[in-house]
């Protein structure tokens, strides 16, 4: 149901909102990947320190 309602809106407004949504989604993905990478690295570092000690 939401797709036809969005299709009835003006083209420029729809394109602009879609562009902003895509940019926000990509930024969120990059932030999430970076955060998960740092968390994994921290866990590996902690385990290596525990193993050495």
C-alpha atoms as a PDB file:
ATOM      1  CA  UNK A   1       0.000   0.000   0.000  1.00  0.00           C
ATOM      2  CA  UNK A   2       2.748   2.629   0.704  1.00  0.00           C
ATOM      3  CA  UNK A   3       4.299   2.316  -2.777  1.00  0.00           C
ATOM      4  CA  UNK A   4       1.301   3.708  -4.770  1.00  0.00           C
ATOM      5  CA  UNK A   5       0.921   6.542  -2.247  1.00  0.00           C
ATOM      6  CA  UNK A   6       4.579   7.470  -2.693  1.00  0.00           C
ATOM      7  CA  UNK A   7       4.235   7.198  -6.471  1.00  0.00           C
ATOM      8  CA  UNK A   8       1.461   9.825  -6.461  1.00  0.00           C
ATOM      9  CA  UNK A   9       3.735  12.452  -4.869  1.00  0.00           C
ATOM     10  CA  UNK A  10       5.730  14.953  -6.975  1.00  0.00           C
ATOM     11  CA  UNK A  11       8.715  13.333  -8.686  1.00  0.00           C
ATOM     12  CA  UNK A  12      11.346  15.819  -7.446  1.00  0.00           C
ATOM     13  CA  UNK A  13      10.229  15.549  -3.804  1.00  0.00           C
ATOM     14  CA  UNK A  14      10.167  11.737  -3.957  1.00  0.00           C
ATOM     15  CA  UNK A  15      13.604  11.627  -5.605  1.00  0.00           C
ATOM     16  CA  UNK A  16      15.058  13.998  -2.993  1.00  0.00           C
ATOM     17  CA  UNK A  17      13.664  12.046  -0.020  1.00  0.00           C
ATOM     18  CA  UNK A  18      14.810   8.754  -1.572  1.00  0.00           C
ATOM     19  CA  UNK A  19      18.311  10.204  -2.128  1.00  0.00           C
ATOM     20  CA  UNK A  20      18.540  11.376   1.494  1.00  0.00           C
ATOM     21  CA  UNK A  21      17.263   8.009   2.754  1.00  0.00           C
ATOM     22  CA  UNK A  22      19.840   6.138   0.662  1.00  0.00           C
ATOM     23  CA  UNK A  23      22.657   8.384   1.913  1.00  0.00           C
ATOM     24  CA  UNK A  24      21.578   7.913   5.537  1.00  0.00           C
ATOM     25  CA  UNK A  25      21.320   4.141   5.029  1.00  0.00           C
ATOM     26  CA  UNK A  26      24.815   3.947   3.506  1.00  0.00           C
ATOM     27  CA  UNK A  27      26.258   6.094   6.313  1.00  0.00           C
ATOM     28  CA  UNK A  28      24.576   3.847   8.904  1.00  0.00           C
ATOM     29  CA  UNK A  29      26.004   0.755   7.183  1.00  0.00           C
ATOM     30  CA  UNK A  30      29.527   2.239   7.151  1.00  0.00           C
ATOM     31  CA  UNK A  31      29.264   3.238  10.826  1.00  0.00           C
ATOM     32  CA  UNK A  32      27.903  -0.191  11.789  1.00  0.00           C
ATOM     33  CA  UNK A  33      30.671  -2.034   9.885  1.00  0.00           C
ATOM     34  CA  UNK A  34      33.349   0.190  11.457  1.00  0.00           C
ATOM     35  CA  UNK A  35      31.912  -0.266  14.953  1.00  0.00           C
ATOM     36  CA  UNK A  36      31.633  -4.057  14.589  1.00  0.00           C
ATOM     37  CA  UNK A  37      35.200  -4.187  13.218  1.00  0.00           C
ATOM     38  CA  UNK A  38      36.525  -2.220  16.208  1.00  0.00           C
ATOM     39  CA  UNK A  39      34.573  -4.432  18.639  1.00  0.00           C
ATOM     40  CA  UNK A  40      35.975  -7.613  17.054  1.00  0.00           C
ATOM     41  CA  UNK A  41      39.519  -6.199  17.103  1.00  0.00           C
ATOM     42  CA  UNK A  42      39.136  -5.233  20.770  1.00  0.00           C
ATOM     43  CA  UNK A  43      37.900  -8.729  21.681  1.00  0.00           C
ATOM     44  CA  UNK A  44      40.828 -10.340  19.806  1.00  0.00           C
ATOM     45  CA  UNK A  45      43.270  -7.978  21.532  1.00  0.00           C
ATOM     46  CA  UNK A  46      41.774  -8.757  24.958  1.00  0.00           C
ATOM     47  CA  UNK A  47      41.988 -12.526  24.341  1.00  0.00           C
ATOM     48  CA  UNK A  48      45.577 -12.269  23.088  1.00  0.00           C
ATOM     49  CA  UNK A  49      46.586 -10.265  26.191  1.00  0.00           C
ATOM     50  CA  UNK A  50      44.869 -12.830  28.449  1.00  0.00           C
ATOM     51  CA  UNK A  51      46.620 -15.672  26.612  1.00  0.00           C
ATOM     52  CA  UNK A  52      50.031 -13.990  26.964  1.00  0.00           C
ATOM     53  CA  UNK A  53      49.492 -13.328  30.656  1.00  0.00           C
END
